[in-house]
All heavy atoms as atom14 arrays in JSON, in Angstrom:
{
  "sequence": "IRPKTINQKKYVDAIDANTVIFGIGPAGTGKTYLAMAKAVQA",
  "atom14_mask": [
    [1, 1, 1, 1, 1, 1, 1, 1, 0, 0, 0, 0, 0, 0],
    [1, 1, 1, 1, 1, 1, 1, 1, 1, 1, 1, 0, 0, 0],
    [1, 1, 1, 1, 1, 1, 1, 0, 0, 0, 0, 0, 0, 0],
    [1, 1, 1, 1, 1, 1, 1, 1, 1, 0, 0, 0, 0, 0],
    [1, 1, 1, 1, 1, 1, 1, 0, 0, 0, 0, 0, 0, 0],
    [1, 1, 1, 1, 1, 1, 1, 1, 0, 0, 0, 0, 0, 0],
    [1, 1, 1, 1, 1, 1, 1, 1, 0, 0, 0, 0, 0, 0],
    [1, 1, 1, 1, 1, 1, 1, 1, 1, 0, 0, 0, 0, 0],
    [1, 1, 1, 1, 1, 1, 1, 1, 1, 0, 0, 0, 0, 0],
    [1, 1, 1, 1, 1, 1, 1, 1, 1, 0, 0, 0, 0, 0],
    [1, 1, 1, 1, 1, 1, 1, 1, 1, 1, 1, 1, 0, 0],
    [1, 1, 1, 1, 1, 1, 1, 0, 0, 0, 0, 0, 0, 0],
    [1, 1, 1, 1, 1, 1, 1, 1, 0, 0, 0, 0, 0, 0],
    [1, 1, 1, 1, 1, 0, 0, 0, 0, 0, 0, 0, 0, 0],
    [1, 1, 1, 1, 1, 1, 1, 1, 0, 0, 0, 0, 0, 0],
    [1, 1, 1, 1, 1, 1, 1, 1, 0, 0, 0, 0, 0, 0],
    [1, 1, 1, 1, 1, 0, 0, 0, 0, 0, 0, 0, 0, 0],
    [1, 1, 1, 1, 1, 1, 1, 1, 0, 0, 0, 0, 0, 0],
    [1, 1, 1, 1, 1, 1, 1, 0, 0, 0, 0, 0, 0, 0],
    [1, 1, 1, 1, 1, 1, 1, 0, 0, 0, 0, 0, 0, 0],
    [1, 1, 1, 1, 1, 1, 1, 1, 0, 0, 0, 0, 0, 0],
    [1, 1, 1, 1, 1, 1, 1, 1, 1, 1, 1, 0, 0, 0],
    [1, 1, 1, 1, 0, 0, 0, 0, 0, 0, 0, 0, 0, 0],
    [1, 1, 1, 1, 1, 1, 1, 1, 0, 0, 0, 0, 0, 0],
    [1, 1, 1, 1, 0, 0, 0, 0, 0, 0, 0, 0, 0, 0],
    [1, 1, 1, 1, 1, 1, 1, 0, 0, 0, 0, 0, 0, 0],
    [1, 1, 1, 1, 1, 0, 0, 0, 0, 0, 0, 0, 0, 0],
    [1, 1, 1, 1, 0, 0, 0, 0, 0, 0, 0, 0, 0, 0],
    [1, 1, 1, 1, 1, 1, 1, 0, 0, 0, 0, 0, 0, 0],
    [1, 1, 1, 1, 0, 0, 0, 0, 0, 0, 0, 0, 0, 0],
    [1, 1, 1, 1, 1, 1, 1, 1, 1, 0, 0, 0, 0, 0],
    [1, 1, 1, 1, 1, 1, 1, 0, 0, 0, 0, 0, 0, 0],
    [1, 1, 1, 1, 1, 1, 1, 1, 1, 1, 1, 1, 0, 0],
    [1, 1, 1, 1, 1, 1, 1, 1, 0, 0, 0, 0, 0, 0],
    [1, 1, 1, 1, 1, 0, 0, 0, 0, 0, 0, 0, 0, 0],
    [1, 1, 1, 1, 1, 1, 1, 1, 0, 0, 0, 0, 0, 0],
    [1, 1, 1, 1, 1, 0, 0, 0, 0, 0, 0, 0, 0, 0],
    [1, 1, 1, 1, 1, 1, 1, 1, 1, 0, 0, 0, 0, 0],
    [1, 1, 1, 1, 1, 0, 0, 0, 0, 0, 0, 0, 0, 0],
    [1, 1, 1, 1, 1, 1, 1, 0, 0, 0, 0, 0, 0, 0],
    [1, 1, 1, 1, 1, 1, 1, 1, 1, 0, 0, 0, 0, 0],
    [1, 1, 1, 1, 1, 0, 0, 0, 0, 0, 0, 0, 0, 0]
  ],
  "atom14_positions": [
    [[0.86, -1.18, 0.0], [0.0, 0.0, 0.0], [0.89, 1.23, 0.0], [1.74, 1.39, 0.88], [-0.93, 0.0, 1.22], [-1.81, -1.26, 1.2], [-1.79, 1.26, 1.24], [-2.66, -1.41, 2.45], [0.0, 0.0, 0.0], [0.0, 0.0, 0.0], [0.0, 0.0, 0.0], [0.0, 0.0, 0.0], [0.0, 0.0, 0.0], [0.0, 0.0, 0.0]],
    [[0.69, 2.09, -0.99], [1.49, 3.31, -1.1], [0.63, 4.39, -1.75], [-0.35, 4.1, -2.43], [2.75, 3.06, -1.94], [2.49, 2.52, -3.33], [3.76, 2.56, -4.18], [4.81, 1.73, -3.66], [5.07, 0.49, -4.07], [4.3, -0.06, -5.01], [6.07, -0.2, -3.56], [0.0, 0.0, 0.0], [0.0, 0.0, 0.0], [0.0, 0.0, 0.0]],
    [[0.97, 5.66, -1.55], [0.24, 6.74, -2.23], [0.44, 6.67, -3.73], [1.53, 6.3, -4.21], [0.84, 8.02, -1.63], [2.17, 7.61, -1.09], [2.03, 6.18, -0.67], [0.0, 0.0, 0.0], [0.0, 0.0, 0.0], [0.0, 0.0, 0.0], [0.0, 0.0, 0.0], [0.0, 0.0, 0.0], [0.0, 0.0, 0.0], [0.0, 0.0, 0.0]],
    [[-0.59, 7.03, -4.49], [-0.53, 6.92, -5.94], [-0.61, 8.26, -6.65], [-0.54, 8.31, -7.87], [-1.66, 6.01, -6.42], [-1.52, 4.58, -5.92], [-2.63, 3.69, -6.45], [-2.44, 2.25, -5.96], [-3.51, 1.34, -6.47], [0.0, 0.0, 0.0], [0.0, 0.0, 0.0], [0.0, 0.0, 0.0], [0.0, 0.0, 0.0], [0.0, 0.0, 0.0]],
    [[-0.8, 9.34, -5.91], [-0.79, 10.68, -6.49], [0.0, 11.6, -5.56], [0.28, 11.26, -4.41], [-2.21, 11.24, -6.67], [-2.78, 11.5, -5.38], [-3.11, 10.26, -7.43], [0.0, 0.0, 0.0], [0.0, 0.0, 0.0], [0.0, 0.0, 0.0], [0.0, 0.0, 0.0], [0.0, 0.0, 0.0], [0.0, 0.0, 0.0], [0.0, 0.0, 0.0]],
    [[0.34, 12.76, -6.08], [1.1, 13.73, -5.29], [0.29, 14.19, -4.08], [0.81, 14.29, -2.96], [1.5, 14.94, -6.16], [2.47, 14.49, -7.26], [2.14, 16.02, -5.3], [3.76, 13.91, -6.74], [0.0, 0.0, 0.0], [0.0, 0.0, 0.0], [0.0, 0.0, 0.0], [0.0, 0.0, 0.0], [0.0, 0.0, 0.0], [0.0, 0.0, 0.0]],
    [[-1.01, 14.47, -4.27], [-1.84, 14.91, -3.14], [-1.97, 13.81, -2.09], [-2.02, 14.1, -0.89], [-3.22, 15.34, -3.64], [-3.19, 16.71, -4.3], [-2.3, 17.52, -4.04], [-4.15, 16.97, -5.16], [0.0, 0.0, 0.0], [0.0, 0.0, 0.0], [0.0, 0.0, 0.0], [0.0, 0.0, 0.0], [0.0, 0.0, 0.0], [0.0, 0.0, 0.0]],
    [[-2.04, 12.56, -2.53], [-2.07, 11.46, -1.57], [-0.77, 11.39, -0.78], [-0.76, 11.14, 0.42], [-2.32, 10.14, -2.29], [-3.75, 9.95, -2.75], [-3.99, 8.55, -3.28], [-3.08, 7.73, -3.36], [-5.22, 8.26, -3.66], [0.0, 0.0, 0.0], [0.0, 0.0, 0.0], [0.0, 0.0, 0.0], [0.0, 0.0, 0.0], [0.0, 0.0, 0.0]],
    [[0.35, 11.63, -1.45], [1.65, 11.64, -0.76], [1.69, 12.77, 0.27], [2.17, 12.58, 1.41], [2.78, 11.8, -1.78], [4.18, 11.81, -1.16], [4.49, 10.49, -0.48], [5.95, 10.35, -0.12], [6.44, 11.39, 0.8], [0.0, 0.0, 0.0], [0.0, 0.0, 0.0], [0.0, 0.0, 0.0], [0.0, 0.0, 0.0], [0.0, 0.0, 0.0]],
    [[1.19, 13.94, -0.08], [1.15, 15.05, 0.86], [0.23, 14.73, 2.05], [0.52, 15.1, 3.19], [0.67, 16.32, 0.15], [1.63, 16.85, -0.9], [1.05, 18.07, -1.59], [2.02, 18.62, -2.64], [1.44, 19.78, -3.36], [0.0, 0.0, 0.0], [0.0, 0.0, 0.0], [0.0, 0.0, 0.0], [0.0, 0.0, 0.0], [0.0, 0.0, 0.0]],
    [[-0.85, 14.04, 1.76], [-1.79, 13.63, 2.81], [-1.12, 12.68, 3.8], [-1.23, 12.84, 5.01], [-3.0, 12.99, 2.13], [-4.03, 12.37, 3.04], [-4.56, 13.07, 4.12], [-4.5, 11.08, 2.8], [-5.54, 12.49, 4.94], [-5.47, 10.51, 3.6], [-5.98, 11.21, 4.67], [-6.94, 10.64, 5.48], [0.0, 0.0, 0.0], [0.0, 0.0, 0.0]],
    [[-0.39, 11.7, 3.27], [0.32, 10.74, 4.12], [1.4, 11.44, 4.94], [1.55, 11.17, 6.14], [0.91, 9.61, 3.26], [1.84, 8.73, 4.09], [-0.2, 8.76, 2.65], [0.0, 0.0, 0.0], [0.0, 0.0, 0.0], [0.0, 0.0, 0.0], [0.0, 0.0, 0.0], [0.0, 0.0, 0.0], [0.0, 0.0, 0.0], [0.0, 0.0, 0.0]],
    [[2.13, 12.35, 4.31], [3.16, 13.1, 5.04], [2.54, 13.96, 6.15], [3.12, 14.12, 7.23], [3.94, 14.0, 4.07], [4.82, 13.18, 3.13], [5.08, 12.0, 3.42], [5.23, 13.73, 2.08], [0.0, 0.0, 0.0], [0.0, 0.0, 0.0], [0.0, 0.0, 0.0], [0.0, 0.0, 0.0], [0.0, 0.0, 0.0], [0.0, 0.0, 0.0]],
    [[1.35, 14.52, 5.89], [0.67, 15.33, 6.9], [0.26, 14.49, 8.09], [0.3, 14.96, 9.24], [-0.55, 16.02, 6.28], [0.0, 0.0, 0.0], [0.0, 0.0, 0.0], [0.0, 0.0, 0.0], [0.0, 0.0, 0.0], [0.0, 0.0, 0.0], [0.0, 0.0, 0.0], [0.0, 0.0, 0.0], [0.0, 0.0, 0.0], [0.0, 0.0, 0.0]],
    [[-0.13, 13.24, 7.85], [-0.49, 12.34, 8.95], [0.72, 12.09, 9.84], [0.61, 12.03, 11.07], [-1.06, 11.02, 8.4], [-2.4, 11.27, 7.72], [-1.23, 9.99, 9.51], [-3.01, 10.05, 7.06], [0.0, 0.0, 0.0], [0.0, 0.0, 0.0], [0.0, 0.0, 0.0], [0.0, 0.0, 0.0], [0.0, 0.0, 0.0], [0.0, 0.0, 0.0]],
    [[1.89, 11.97, 9.22], [3.12, 11.77, 10.01], [3.48, 13.01, 10.82], [4.04, 12.89, 11.92], [4.28, 11.4, 9.09], [4.13, 10.0, 8.5], [3.51, 9.15, 9.16], [4.62, 9.77, 7.38], [0.0, 0.0, 0.0], [0.0, 0.0, 0.0], [0.0, 0.0, 0.0], [0.0, 0.0, 0.0], [0.0, 0.0, 0.0], [0.0, 0.0, 0.0]],
    [[3.19, 14.19, 10.29], [3.71, 15.42, 10.88], [2.75, 16.11, 11.84], [3.17, 17.01, 12.57], [4.09, 16.4, 9.77], [0.0, 0.0, 0.0], [0.0, 0.0, 0.0], [0.0, 0.0, 0.0], [0.0, 0.0, 0.0], [0.0, 0.0, 0.0], [0.0, 0.0, 0.0], [0.0, 0.0, 0.0], [0.0, 0.0, 0.0], [0.0, 0.0, 0.0]],
    [[1.46, 15.73, 11.86], [0.48, 16.44, 12.67], [-0.3, 15.49, 13.57], [-0.3, 14.27, 13.34], [-0.5, 17.2, 11.77], [0.2, 18.25, 10.92], [0.41, 19.39, 11.35], [0.55, 17.88, 9.69], [0.0, 0.0, 0.0], [0.0, 0.0, 0.0], [0.0, 0.0, 0.0], [0.0, 0.0, 0.0], [0.0, 0.0, 0.0], [0.0, 0.0, 0.0]],
    [[-0.96, 16.07, 14.57], [-1.77, 15.27, 15.49], [-3.2, 15.09, 15.0], [-3.77, 14.0, 15.13], [-1.79, 15.93, 16.88], [-0.44, 16.03, 17.37], [-2.61, 15.12, 17.87], [0.0, 0.0, 0.0], [0.0, 0.0, 0.0], [0.0, 0.0, 0.0], [0.0, 0.0, 0.0], [0.0, 0.0, 0.0], [0.0, 0.0, 0.0], [0.0, 0.0, 0.0]],
    [[-3.78, 16.14, 14.47], [-5.15, 16.08, 13.93], [-5.1, 16.42, 12.45], [-4.6, 17.49, 12.08], [-6.09, 17.05, 14.68], [-7.49, 17.01, 14.06], [-6.15, 16.7, 16.16], [0.0, 0.0, 0.0], [0.0, 0.0, 0.0], [0.0, 0.0, 0.0], [0.0, 0.0, 0.0], [0.0, 0.0, 0.0], [0.0, 0.0, 0.0], [0.0, 0.0, 0.0]],
    [[-5.6, 15.52, 11.62], [-5.53, 15.68, 10.17], [-6.92, 15.51, 9.59], [-7.63, 14.55, 9.91], [-4.57, 14.65, 9.53], [-3.2, 14.75, 10.17], [-4.49, 14.87, 8.03], [-2.99, 13.81, 11.35], [0.0, 0.0, 0.0], [0.0, 0.0, 0.0], [0.0, 0.0, 0.0], [0.0, 0.0, 0.0], [0.0, 0.0, 0.0], [0.0, 0.0, 0.0]],
    [[-7.32, 16.43, 8.74], [-8.57, 16.34, 8.01], [-8.27, 15.99, 6.55], [-7.51, 16.7, 5.88], [-9.34, 17.66, 8.07], [-9.9, 17.99, 9.43], [-9.12, 18.63, 10.38], [-11.2, 17.64, 9.76], [-9.62, 18.93, 11.64], [-11.71, 17.93, 11.02], [-10.92, 18.57, 11.95], [0.0, 0.0, 0.0], [0.0, 0.0, 0.0], [0.0, 0.0, 0.0]],
    [[-8.85, 14.89, 6.08], [-8.72, 14.5, 4.68], [-10.05, 14.72, 3.99], [-11.02, 13.98, 4.21], [0.0, 0.0, 0.0], [0.0, 0.0, 0.0], [0.0, 0.0, 0.0], [0.0, 0.0, 0.0], [0.0, 0.0, 0.0], [0.0, 0.0, 0.0], [0.0, 0.0, 0.0], [0.0, 0.0, 0.0], [0.0, 0.0, 0.0], [0.0, 0.0, 0.0]],
    [[-10.14, 15.74, 3.14], [-11.39, 16.13, 2.49], [-11.25, 15.93, 0.99], [-10.31, 16.43, 0.36], [-11.74, 17.6, 2.81], [-11.83, 17.8, 4.33], [-13.04, 18.0, 2.14], [-12.01, 19.25, 4.75], [0.0, 0.0, 0.0], [0.0, 0.0, 0.0], [0.0, 0.0, 0.0], [0.0, 0.0, 0.0], [0.0, 0.0, 0.0], [0.0, 0.0, 0.0]],
    [[-12.18, 15.2, 0.4], [-12.13, 14.96, -1.03], [-13.23, 14.04, -1.49], [-13.94, 13.45, -0.67], [0.0, 0.0, 0.0], [0.0, 0.0, 0.0], [0.0, 0.0, 0.0], [0.0, 0.0, 0.0], [0.0, 0.0, 0.0], [0.0, 0.0, 0.0], [0.0, 0.0, 0.0], [0.0, 0.0, 0.0], [0.0, 0.0, 0.0], [0.0, 0.0, 0.0]],
    [[-13.4, 13.89, -2.81], [-14.48, 13.05, -3.34], [-14.22, 11.57, -3.12], [-13.14, 11.16, -2.67], [-14.49, 13.41, -4.84], [-13.11, 13.89, -5.12], [-12.63, 14.57, -3.87], [0.0, 0.0, 0.0], [0.0, 0.0, 0.0], [0.0, 0.0, 0.0], [0.0, 0.0, 0.0], [0.0, 0.0, 0.0], [0.0, 0.0, 0.0], [0.0, 0.0, 0.0]],
    [[-15.22, 10.77, -3.46], [-15.12, 9.33, -3.28], [-14.01, 8.76, -4.16], [-13.8, 9.22, -5.29], [-16.46, 8.68, -3.64], [0.0, 0.0, 0.0], [0.0, 0.0, 0.0], [0.0, 0.0, 0.0], [0.0, 0.0, 0.0], [0.0, 0.0, 0.0], [0.0, 0.0, 0.0], [0.0, 0.0, 0.0], [0.0, 0.0, 0.0], [0.0, 0.0, 0.0]],
    [[-13.31, 7.77, -3.64], [-12.28, 7.08, -4.42], [-10.91, 7.7, -4.38], [-10.01, 7.25, -5.1], [0.0, 0.0, 0.0], [0.0, 0.0, 0.0], [0.0, 0.0, 0.0], [0.0, 0.0, 0.0], [0.0, 0.0, 0.0], [0.0, 0.0, 0.0], [0.0, 0.0, 0.0], [0.0, 0.0, 0.0], [0.0, 0.0, 0.0], [0.0, 0.0, 0.0]],
    [[-10.69, 8.71, -3.55], [-9.38, 9.36, -3.49], [-8.47, 8.74, -2.44], [-7.35, 9.21, -2.24], [-9.53, 10.86, -3.2], [-10.38, 11.04, -2.05], [-10.16, 11.58, -4.39], [0.0, 0.0, 0.0], [0.0, 0.0, 0.0], [0.0, 0.0, 0.0], [0.0, 0.0, 0.0], [0.0, 0.0, 0.0], [0.0, 0.0, 0.0], [0.0, 0.0, 0.0]],
    [[-8.94, 7.69, -1.76], [-8.08, 6.98, -0.81], [-7.97, 7.62, 0.55], [-7.04, 7.3, 1.31], [0.0, 0.0, 0.0], [0.0, 0.0, 0.0], [0.0, 0.0, 0.0], [0.0, 0.0, 0.0], [0.0, 0.0, 0.0], [0.0, 0.0, 0.0], [0.0, 0.0, 0.0], [0.0, 0.0, 0.0], [0.0, 0.0, 0.0], [0.0, 0.0, 0.0]],
    [[-8.9, 8.5, 0.9], [-8.82, 9.21, 2.19], [-8.8, 8.22, 3.36], [-7.9, 8.24, 4.2], [-10.02, 10.15, 2.35], [-10.25, 11.11, 1.22], [-11.45, 12.0, 1.48], [-12.74, 11.21, 1.57], [-13.13, 10.57, 0.3], [0.0, 0.0, 0.0], [0.0, 0.0, 0.0], [0.0, 0.0, 0.0], [0.0, 0.0, 0.0], [0.0, 0.0, 0.0]],
    [[-9.83, 7.36, 3.4], [-9.96, 6.43, 4.53], [-8.97, 5.29, 4.42], [-8.38, 4.86, 5.42], [-11.4, 5.88, 4.57], [-12.31, 6.99, 4.63], [-11.61, 4.99, 5.79], [0.0, 0.0, 0.0], [0.0, 0.0, 0.0], [0.0, 0.0, 0.0], [0.0, 0.0, 0.0], [0.0, 0.0, 0.0], [0.0, 0.0, 0.0], [0.0, 0.0, 0.0]],
    [[-8.74, 4.8, 3.22], [-7.87, 3.64, 3.02], [-6.44, 3.94, 3.46], [-5.8, 3.14, 4.17], [-7.91, 3.21, 1.56], [-7.45, 1.79, 1.32], [-8.31, 0.73, 1.57], [-6.17, 1.52, 0.84], [-7.91, -0.58, 1.34], [-5.77, 0.22, 0.63], [-6.63, -0.82, 0.87], [-6.22, -2.12, 0.65], [0.0, 0.0, 0.0], [0.0, 0.0, 0.0]],
    [[-5.92, 5.09, 3.06], [-4.57, 5.47, 3.45], [-4.48, 5.73, 4.95], [-3.47, 5.4, 5.59], [-4.12, 6.7, 2.67], [-3.88, 6.5, 1.16], [-3.6, 7.83, 0.48], [-2.74, 5.52, 0.92], [0.0, 0.0, 0.0], [0.0, 0.0, 0.0], [0.0, 0.0, 0.0], [0.0, 0.0, 0.0], [0.0, 0.0, 0.0], [0.0, 0.0, 0.0]],
    [[-5.52, 6.32, 5.52], [-5.53, 6.55, 6.98], [-5.53, 5.22, 7.73], [-4.84, 5.07, 8.75], [-6.75, 7.38, 7.36], [0.0, 0.0, 0.0], [0.0, 0.0, 0.0], [0.0, 0.0, 0.0], [0.0, 0.0, 0.0], [0.0, 0.0, 0.0], [0.0, 0.0, 0.0], [0.0, 0.0, 0.0], [0.0, 0.0, 0.0], [0.0, 0.0, 0.0]],
    [[-6.28, 4.24, 7.21], [-6.29, 2.92, 7.84], [-4.9, 2.28, 7.75], [-4.44, 1.65, 8.71], [-7.32, 2.03, 7.14], [-8.75, 2.5, 7.33], [-9.44, 1.94, 8.88], [-9.75, 0.24, 8.5], [0.0, 0.0, 0.0], [0.0, 0.0, 0.0], [0.0, 0.0, 0.0], [0.0, 0.0, 0.0], [0.0, 0.0, 0.0], [0.0, 0.0, 0.0]],
    [[-4.24, 2.42, 6.6], [-2.9, 1.86, 6.45], [-1.93, 2.5, 7.44], [-1.11, 1.81, 8.05], [-2.42, 2.07, 5.01], [0.0, 0.0, 0.0], [0.0, 0.0, 0.0], [0.0, 0.0, 0.0], [0.0, 0.0, 0.0], [0.0, 0.0, 0.0], [0.0, 0.0, 0.0], [0.0, 0.0, 0.0], [0.0, 0.0, 0.0], [0.0, 0.0, 0.0]],
    [[-2.02, 3.81, 7.62], [-1.15, 4.48, 8.59], [-1.48, 4.04, 10.02], [-0.58, 3.92, 10.86], [-1.3, 6.0, 8.47], [-0.78, 6.59, 7.17], [0.71, 6.35, 6.99], [1.54, 7.07, 8.02], [2.99, 6.87, 7.82], [0.0, 0.0, 0.0], [0.0, 0.0, 0.0], [0.0, 0.0, 0.0], [0.0, 0.0, 0.0], [0.0, 0.0, 0.0]],
    [[-2.76, 3.76, 10.29], [-3.13, 3.3, 11.63], [-2.55, 1.91, 11.9], [-2.0, 1.67, 13.0], [-4.66, 3.27, 11.75], [0.0, 0.0, 0.0], [0.0, 0.0, 0.0], [0.0, 0.0, 0.0], [0.0, 0.0, 0.0], [0.0, 0.0, 0.0], [0.0, 0.0, 0.0], [0.0, 0.0, 0.0], [0.0, 0.0, 0.0], [0.0, 0.0, 0.0]],
    [[-2.66, 1.01, 10.94], [-2.09, -0.33, 11.11], [-0.57, -0.26, 11.24], [0.03, -0.97, 12.06], [-2.51, -1.24, 9.94], [-1.8, -2.59, 10.02], [-4.02, -1.44, 9.94], [0.0, 0.0, 0.0], [0.0, 0.0, 0.0], [0.0, 0.0, 0.0], [0.0, 0.0, 0.0], [0.0, 0.0, 0.0], [0.0, 0.0, 0.0], [0.0, 0.0, 0.0]],
    [[0.05, 0.61, 10.46], [1.5, 0.79, 10.56], [1.9, 1.28, 11.95], [2.86, 0.79, 12.55], [1.98, 1.79, 9.5], [3.47, 2.04, 9.49], [3.86, 3.24, 8.64], [3.28, 4.3, 8.77], [4.83, 3.04, 7.75], [0.0, 0.0, 0.0], [0.0, 0.0, 0.0], [0.0, 0.0, 0.0], [0.0, 0.0, 0.0], [0.0, 0.0, 0.0]],
    [[1.14, 2.27, 12.47], [1.44, 2.8, 13.81], [1.25, 1.72, 14.88], [2.0, 1.67, 15.86], [0.54, 4.0, 14.1], [0.0, 0.0, 0.0], [0.0, 0.0, 0.0], [0.0, 0.0, 0.0], [0.0, 0.0, 0.0], [0.0, 0.0, 0.0], [0.0, 0.0, 0.0], [0.0, 0.0, 0.0], [0.0, 0.0, 0.0], [0.0, 0.0, 0.0]]
  ]
}
């Protein structure tokens, strides 16, 4: 599991760098899936 767009990469980096992160976007952009991957990794 890895980010597939530049905005997804920025989103993942923001999760690493901040305590509270809001991921806002349309369906299918990987908001929840990437957050779940970061949660399992943590």
